[in-house]
Amino acid sequence: MFQNDVIEGLSAHFKAGNSKEIAANFASSVELIIIDEEDVYSKAQAEQILRNFFTKYPPVKSSVVHLINTNPNFRFGILSLQTKNAKFRVSITMKKSGSAFFITELRVESDK
């Protein structure tokens, strides 16, 4: 059973600016690249950073522009995130653990 489309669900949470729901999908440690800052954080730290990002850039809309879901143990998706003051490209890398997919890398870059 595919966790159908976990990426679509995440897109909805990005649109809502819901860092808590996004963080629920984080692996225990997550590589977070937001604009120019890159590091590996715990789930709680990563949620805080994401919350700060949403405060600074309130989301207006989010859509999935690319999705790779052919590998049963891996998901990769790219979202286009429009915020009040900028547009971003969000890349989400997920790996399967047990019966669920968890975000191992989240990259938010300016979309020129």
Protein backbone atom coordinates (compact mmCIF):
# COMPACT_ATOMS: atom_id res chain seq x y z
CA MET A 1 0.00 0.00 0.00
CA PHE A 2 1.48 3.32 -1.05
CA GLN A 3 1.43 6.00 1.54
CA ASN A 4 -0.27 7.80 -1.24
CA ASP A 5 1.15 10.60 -1.80
CA VAL A 6 2.74 11.63 1.29
CA ILE A 7 4.29 14.42 -0.82
CA GLU A 8 0.82 15.76 -1.76
CA GLY A 9 -0.07 15.81 1.93
CA LEU A 10 3.12 17.67 2.74
CA SER A 11 2.34 20.21 0.03
CA ALA A 12 -0.97 20.97 1.81
CA HIS A 13 0.92 21.44 5.12
CA PHE A 14 3.39 23.78 3.41
CA LYS A 15 0.52 25.80 2.01
CA ALA A 16 -0.97 26.02 5.52
CA GLY A 17 2.44 26.89 7.00
CA ASN A 18 1.94 24.00 9.41
CA SER A 19 5.43 23.24 10.71
CA LYS A 20 4.01 20.84 13.32
CA GLU A 21 2.39 18.56 10.74
CA ILE A 22 5.46 18.69 8.50
CA ALA A 23 7.72 17.87 11.46
CA ALA A 24 5.54 14.85 12.26
CA ASN A 25 7.07 13.38 9.07
CA PHE A 26 10.69 14.16 9.97
CA ALA A 27 13.14 11.34 10.61
CA SER A 28 14.81 11.53 14.05
CA SER A 29 17.47 13.73 12.49
CA VAL A 30 16.91 15.72 9.35
CA GLU A 31 19.22 17.57 6.98
CA LEU A 32 17.69 21.00 6.59
CA ILE A 33 18.83 23.45 3.95
CA ILE A 34 16.89 26.70 4.15
CA ILE A 35 18.07 29.38 1.73
CA ASP A 36 21.74 29.60 2.81
CA GLU A 37 21.74 27.71 6.08
CA GLU A 38 22.52 24.04 6.04
CA ASP A 39 22.84 21.65 8.95
CA VAL A 40 21.56 18.40 10.43
CA TYR A 41 19.00 18.96 13.16
CA SER A 42 16.90 16.98 15.56
CA LYS A 43 13.20 16.77 14.77
CA ALA A 44 12.38 19.48 17.35
CA GLN A 45 15.09 21.89 16.16
CA ALA A 46 14.08 21.40 12.53
CA GLU A 47 10.44 22.14 13.37
CA GLN A 48 11.48 25.38 15.12
CA ILE A 49 13.54 26.50 12.11
CA LEU A 50 10.68 25.71 9.76
CA ARG A 51 8.24 27.61 12.00
CA ASN A 52 10.56 30.65 11.87
CA PHE A 53 10.70 30.34 8.09
CA PHE A 54 6.88 30.34 7.83
CA THR A 55 6.69 33.37 10.14
CA LYS A 56 9.10 35.25 7.90
CA TYR A 57 7.55 33.97 4.66
CA PRO A 58 3.80 33.34 5.13
CA PRO A 59 2.75 30.73 2.53
CA VAL A 60 0.09 31.59 -0.03
CA LYS A 61 0.09 28.43 -2.13
CA SER A 62 2.02 25.23 -2.68
CA SER A 63 1.95 22.76 -5.53
CA VAL A 64 3.82 19.57 -6.40
CA VAL A 65 5.89 20.11 -9.52
CA HIS A 66 7.85 16.87 -9.55
CA LEU A 67 7.41 13.51 -7.88
CA ILE A 68 9.48 10.33 -7.87
CA ASN A 69 7.63 7.45 -6.26
CA THR A 70 8.74 4.40 -8.25
CA ASN A 71 11.11 3.09 -5.59
CA PRO A 72 9.18 1.40 -2.74
CA ASN A 73 11.67 2.65 -0.12
CA PHE A 74 12.22 6.19 -1.35
CA ARG A 75 10.19 9.29 -2.21
CA PHE A 76 11.36 12.52 -3.71
CA GLY A 77 9.22 15.52 -4.41
CA ILE A 78 9.64 19.12 -5.44
CA LEU A 79 7.11 21.73 -4.41
CA SER A 80 6.66 25.23 -5.70
CA LEU A 81 5.94 27.36 -2.65
CA GLN A 82 4.55 30.84 -3.16
CA THR A 83 4.77 33.05 -0.07
CA LYS A 84 3.62 36.62 0.49
CA ASN A 85 7.09 37.96 -0.21
CA ALA A 86 8.99 35.36 -2.26
CA LYS A 87 8.77 32.15 -4.27
CA PHE A 88 10.61 29.02 -3.20
CA ARG A 89 11.45 25.61 -4.53
CA VAL A 90 11.14 22.96 -1.84
CA SER A 91 12.85 19.58 -2.33
CA ILE A 92 11.77 16.76 -0.04
CA THR A 93 13.71 13.50 0.26
CA MET A 94 12.00 10.70 2.17
CA LYS A 95 13.15 7.22 3.11
CA LYS A 96 11.01 4.36 4.29
CA SER A 97 11.33 3.15 7.85
CA GLY A 98 8.96 0.41 8.94
CA SER A 99 5.68 1.10 7.16
CA ALA A 100 6.04 4.86 6.80
CA PHE A 101 8.14 7.40 4.94
CA PHE A 102 10.17 9.96 6.86
CA ILE A 103 11.80 13.15 5.65
CA THR A 104 15.59 12.83 5.74
CA GLU A 105 16.34 15.97 3.78
CA LEU A 106 14.38 19.17 3.29
CA ARG A 107 15.76 21.86 1.01
CA VAL A 108 14.16 25.28 0.57
CA GLU A 109 15.72 27.45 -2.13
CA SER A 110 14.78 30.71 -3.75
CA ASP A 111 12.97 30.06 -6.99
CA LYS A 112 14.20 32.62 -9.49
